[in-house]
Structure formats: structure tokens, C-alpha cells
Amino acid sequence: MTARVEILRVIDGLVVVNKPPGLPSTGRDLDDPECAQHQVALALGRPGRVWAVHQLDKDTSGLNLFVMRKGLVAPWAARLASGGGREVKRYLAVCHGELRSERRVDAAIGRRRGPDGKTFPALTRDGKPARTRILPRSVGGGFSLVEARPETGRTHQVRLHLAALGHPLVGEAMHREPPCTLHPRHALHAWALELGPPEGRLEAPLAADLVALLARLGLAG
């Protein structure tokens, strides 16, 4: 059964959604039933008339923003485009190793070509600048729950920067060798957005599978 999105708030044309893991933000078109965008449009009685402000990886859960007017996409995307030291987005991540002090990663992200000819996000010298601050929240037993605050918005940024620190995500299949099989998806949740007035801070409760993972690893949520 397809996972279902949870609409948290509707604010003047902005739709705040808690996206479950296993569901892409958008699909092939506005009517693709296998995506969060389509579910949101149907829930609001607006088939084909809801647009995504930003994308989350299919297996990343948490806050995802949509709008009910296409003209709102650009201004909202600009508000989410972190830069100049602003940390708009907050992620919660469960990673390998005990990360006990705050760390900052400044490592460019570009793309590399795999053996199959397809490209994928990777740390590269000629990539776009990317910066993330990592703060520990709960540590023990060889694992950590951390809060990641990206200052830029590159594809797979939190996943790549944690791997660069030697603390790849639990469940990480792409940016860890060998791939981690302790959890069926990478343990990453888009937790909060610091938007400032008038919307303030938006939060999405931690996904149930990550709550269970924390309990299994003995980490406080």
C-alpha cells in the first residue's frame, strides 16, 4: 500500500506536508499517482493544481512544502535557498559512530559518472560550494542522533557531508561502502524549517520507523 502524506498546515496558499518515506515529492507529471504532490492535490480537491516548492529524496521523510498557485513556487523556493550563513533547514539523522562535538563541513558537491554511465551526487573539487553544521543530540553504542543544519541546498548534502566526516547514515546505500543494511532506508528526516515571521518555525514529527530505530539502538529521541 502506498504511504500517505499528512497535511500539517495550509497558510495563505502554502501547504505544509509531513512526507512519509518511500514516496517521491513529485512524479512524471502533475497527475502521477505515485507521488506526494498528487496526494496533496487530491486531499485539497485540486487535482493537477498543486506545485512542489522543493524536493525531498524518495526515502527521506519529513517537511515538504507545496503551493496552490504556480506563481508562489519561485518566491517560496527563494526563501528556502539557504545562503550567507543562514540555516533555514533542520534535519535529524541517525548515523554510524559516536559524534560527540559540533562539527562543520565545508566540501563542494558535484556529480560523478558511475560504471553504468549514470551520474550521481558526490564530493568533487569542481562542485558547487556546500556547508553543513552538525550538532550531536544523543550518542552511544556506536551510533549518534544528530541535527544537521545545511547552509546551502545541494542534492544529498547532509548524506554526503556526514559520510565525509566518517559518520554515514544508518541505512545509507549510496554513500557508504559497503552499503548499510541495518535499516531499510537512510535514516534522515526533514525535521524543521526556520522561516521567520509570519509563518515562524514549522516542524514535522519524527517518522515512526526512525522512532523505532532510535529505541533499538538505545538512543534518546
Protein backbone atom coordinates (compact mmCIF):
# COMPACT_ATOMS: atom_id res chain seq x y z
CA MET A 1 0.00 0.00 0.00
CA THR A 2 1.30 3.46 -0.92
CA ALA A 3 2.35 5.56 2.08
CA ARG A 4 0.15 8.57 2.75
CA VAL A 5 1.17 12.18 3.27
CA GLU A 6 -0.04 14.15 6.27
CA ILE A 7 -1.08 17.76 5.68
CA LEU A 8 0.09 19.73 8.72
CA ARG A 9 -0.97 23.27 7.84
CA VAL A 10 -2.34 25.39 5.00
CA ILE A 11 -1.17 29.02 5.21
CA ASP A 12 -2.27 31.50 2.54
CA GLY A 13 -1.63 29.18 -0.40
CA LEU A 14 1.28 27.33 1.25
CA VAL A 15 0.68 23.65 2.07
CA VAL A 16 2.94 22.17 4.77
CA VAL A 17 3.21 18.39 4.49
CA ASN A 18 4.83 15.61 6.52
CA LYS A 19 6.04 13.30 3.72
CA PRO A 20 6.45 9.61 4.56
CA PRO A 21 9.50 7.64 3.41
CA GLY A 22 9.16 5.66 0.21
CA LEU A 23 7.23 8.36 -1.64
CA PRO A 24 8.85 10.89 -4.03
CA SER A 25 7.88 14.55 -3.70
CA THR A 26 6.87 14.74 -7.37
CA GLY A 27 6.31 12.32 -10.23
CA ARG A 28 6.41 12.22 -14.01
CA ASP A 29 3.68 14.87 -14.24
CA LEU A 30 1.07 16.62 -12.08
CA ASP A 31 -1.26 13.61 -12.32
CA ASP A 32 1.25 10.89 -11.38
CA PRO A 33 -0.48 8.98 -8.52
CA GLU A 34 2.79 7.65 -7.07
CA CYS A 35 3.99 10.90 -5.51
CA ALA A 36 3.26 13.26 -2.63
CA GLN A 37 2.23 16.07 -4.96
CA HIS A 38 -0.69 14.08 -6.35
CA GLN A 39 -1.85 13.01 -2.88
CA VAL A 40 -1.81 16.61 -1.65
CA ALA A 41 -3.75 17.81 -4.69
CA LEU A 42 -6.47 15.18 -4.20
CA ALA A 43 -6.71 15.85 -0.45
CA LEU A 44 -7.30 19.53 -1.16
CA GLY A 45 -9.73 18.86 -4.01
CA ARG A 46 -7.34 20.46 -6.52
CA PRO A 47 -6.25 17.67 -8.93
CA GLY A 48 -3.36 18.86 -11.10
CA ARG A 49 -3.23 22.25 -9.34
CA VAL A 50 -0.64 21.85 -6.57
CA TRP A 51 3.08 22.52 -7.13
CA ALA A 52 6.16 21.46 -5.14
CA VAL A 53 8.40 24.19 -3.72
CA HIS A 54 11.31 21.79 -3.14
CA GLN A 55 12.20 18.11 -3.37
CA LEU A 56 12.99 15.51 -0.74
CA ASP A 57 14.67 12.23 -1.67
CA LYS A 58 12.13 9.41 -2.00
CA ASP A 59 13.42 7.75 1.19
CA THR A 60 13.81 10.96 3.22
CA SER A 61 10.81 11.66 5.43
CA GLY A 62 9.60 14.97 6.83
CA LEU A 63 8.67 18.53 5.95
CA ASN A 64 7.84 19.14 2.31
CA LEU A 65 6.28 22.38 1.06
CA PHE A 66 3.74 22.74 -1.75
CA VAL A 67 1.78 25.73 -3.04
CA MET A 68 -1.68 26.15 -4.53
CA ARG A 69 -0.64 28.79 -7.06
CA LYS A 70 2.20 28.22 -9.53
CA GLY A 71 3.36 31.81 -9.11
CA LEU A 72 4.20 31.09 -5.46
CA VAL A 73 6.84 28.47 -6.31
CA ALA A 74 9.68 30.93 -7.10
CA PRO A 75 9.29 33.22 -4.05
CA TRP A 76 8.98 30.28 -1.67
CA ALA A 77 11.94 28.48 -3.24
CA ALA A 78 13.97 31.66 -2.75
CA ARG A 79 13.07 31.74 0.95
CA LEU A 80 14.27 28.17 1.35
CA ALA A 81 17.52 28.73 -0.55
CA SER A 82 19.90 28.92 2.40
CA GLY A 83 22.95 31.11 1.99
CA GLY A 84 25.09 33.72 3.60
CA GLY A 85 25.29 31.72 6.82
CA ARG A 86 21.52 31.35 7.21
CA GLU A 87 20.43 27.92 8.42
CA VAL A 88 16.80 27.62 7.37
CA LYS A 89 16.51 23.82 7.28
CA ARG A 90 16.91 21.39 10.18
CA TYR A 91 17.34 17.66 9.66
CA LEU A 92 17.51 14.81 12.16
CA ALA A 93 19.80 11.94 11.19
CA VAL A 94 20.87 8.64 12.73
CA CYS A 95 24.46 7.90 11.81
CA HIS A 96 27.28 5.46 12.44
CA GLY A 97 29.88 6.30 15.09
CA GLU A 98 29.75 8.48 18.18
CA LEU A 99 29.84 12.13 17.15
CA ARG A 100 30.24 13.95 20.45
CA SER A 101 31.08 17.52 19.43
CA GLU A 102 29.73 20.06 16.99
CA ARG A 103 31.31 19.83 13.56
CA ARG A 104 31.18 21.97 10.43
CA VAL A 105 31.70 20.53 6.96
CA ASP A 106 32.69 22.71 4.00
CA ALA A 107 33.00 20.40 0.99
CA ALA A 108 31.88 21.02 -2.59
CA ILE A 109 29.26 18.75 -4.16
CA GLY A 110 29.05 17.91 -7.84
CA ARG A 111 28.34 14.77 -9.85
CA ARG A 112 30.32 11.71 -10.87
CA ARG A 113 29.66 9.11 -13.52
CA GLY A 114 29.25 5.51 -12.43
CA PRO A 115 30.19 2.33 -14.32
CA ASP A 116 26.68 2.23 -15.78
CA GLY A 117 27.14 5.67 -17.33
CA LYS A 118 24.68 7.37 -14.99
CA THR A 119 25.74 10.32 -12.86
CA PHE A 120 25.18 10.65 -9.13
CA PRO A 121 25.82 13.30 -6.43
CA ALA A 122 29.33 13.17 -4.98
CA LEU A 123 32.01 15.27 -3.31
CA THR A 124 34.08 16.83 -6.09
CA ARG A 125 36.74 19.54 -6.28
CA ASP A 126 34.90 21.36 -9.05
CA GLY A 127 31.44 21.05 -7.49
CA LYS A 128 29.25 23.77 -6.01
CA PRO A 129 30.12 25.09 -2.52
CA ALA A 130 28.29 23.25 0.26
CA ARG A 131 28.37 23.84 4.01
CA THR A 132 26.65 21.99 6.86
CA ARG A 133 26.76 22.33 10.64
CA ILE A 134 26.30 19.07 12.58
CA LEU A 135 25.21 19.06 16.24
CA PRO A 136 25.07 15.91 18.40
CA ARG A 137 21.79 15.18 20.23
CA SER A 138 22.16 11.61 21.54
CA VAL A 139 25.24 9.38 21.41
CA GLY A 140 26.03 5.82 22.48
CA GLY A 141 26.56 2.23 21.44
CA GLY A 142 28.49 3.18 18.34
CA PHE A 143 25.74 5.39 16.88
CA SER A 144 24.55 9.01 17.07
CA LEU A 145 21.40 11.03 16.61
CA VAL A 146 22.47 14.37 15.17
CA GLU A 147 20.87 17.58 13.98
CA ALA A 148 22.13 18.81 10.61
CA ARG A 149 21.80 22.46 9.62
CA PRO A 150 22.75 22.97 5.96
CA GLU A 151 23.76 26.48 4.93
CA THR A 152 23.41 25.55 1.24
CA GLY A 153 20.94 23.34 -0.58
CA ARG A 154 22.81 20.74 -2.64
CA THR A 155 21.45 17.33 -3.61
CA HIS A 156 22.29 14.68 -0.96
CA GLN A 157 24.16 17.34 1.03
CA VAL A 158 23.54 16.01 4.54
CA ARG A 159 24.15 12.42 3.45
CA LEU A 160 27.44 13.27 1.72
CA HIS A 161 28.75 15.55 4.47
CA LEU A 162 28.06 13.01 7.22
CA ALA A 163 29.84 10.37 5.15
CA ALA A 164 32.76 12.77 4.69
CA LEU A 165 33.03 13.06 8.48
CA GLY A 166 33.22 9.27 8.76
CA HIS A 167 29.67 9.13 10.14
CA PRO A 168 27.48 7.86 7.26
CA LEU A 169 23.76 7.46 7.83
CA VAL A 170 22.35 4.23 9.16
CA GLY A 171 20.68 2.62 6.15
CA GLU A 172 22.91 4.51 3.70
CA ALA A 173 23.17 2.53 0.46
CA MET A 174 24.70 5.05 -1.96
CA HIS A 175 27.34 6.92 0.04
CA ARG A 176 28.74 4.11 2.20
CA GLU A 177 30.92 1.15 1.28
CA PRO A 178 29.70 -1.44 1.98
CA PRO A 179 26.07 -0.26 1.99
CA CYS A 180 24.45 -0.26 5.44
CA THR A 181 21.72 -2.88 5.89
CA LEU A 182 20.73 -2.05 9.49
CA HIS A 183 17.66 -0.10 8.34
CA PRO A 184 15.61 -0.36 5.11
CA ARG A 185 16.14 3.30 4.20
CA HIS A 186 18.65 6.03 5.00
CA ALA A 187 17.82 7.42 8.45
CA LEU A 188 17.19 11.06 7.52
CA HIS A 189 14.21 13.23 8.43
CA ALA A 190 13.48 16.82 7.35
CA TRP A 191 12.50 17.97 10.82
CA ALA A 192 12.05 21.75 10.87
CA LEU A 193 12.12 24.97 8.86
CA GLU A 194 13.01 28.34 10.42
CA LEU A 195 11.02 30.70 8.21
CA GLY A 196 10.75 33.76 10.41
CA PRO A 197 7.57 35.88 10.54
CA PRO A 198 4.78 35.45 9.80
CA GLU A 199 4.98 31.63 9.46
CA GLY A 200 7.59 31.10 12.17
CA ARG A 201 9.02 27.65 12.79
CA LEU A 202 7.47 24.60 11.13
CA GLU A 203 8.12 21.07 12.42
CA ALA A 204 7.26 17.53 11.35
CA PRO A 205 7.20 14.74 13.98
CA LEU A 206 9.93 12.15 13.54
CA ALA A 207 8.81 9.28 11.31
CA ALA A 208 7.64 6.17 13.16
CA ASP A 209 10.33 3.93 11.67
CA LEU A 210 13.06 6.27 12.94
CA VAL A 211 11.48 6.41 16.41
CA ALA A 212 11.66 2.59 16.43
CA LEU A 213 15.26 2.68 15.16
CA LEU A 214 16.33 5.03 17.97
CA ALA A 215 14.75 2.71 20.52
CA ARG A 216 16.51 -0.30 19.00
CA LEU A 217 19.87 1.48 19.13
CA GLY A 218 19.31 2.82 22.65
CA LEU A 219 19.37 6.49 21.62
CA ALA A 220 17.15 9.18 23.08
CA GLY A 221 14.80 10.86 20.61
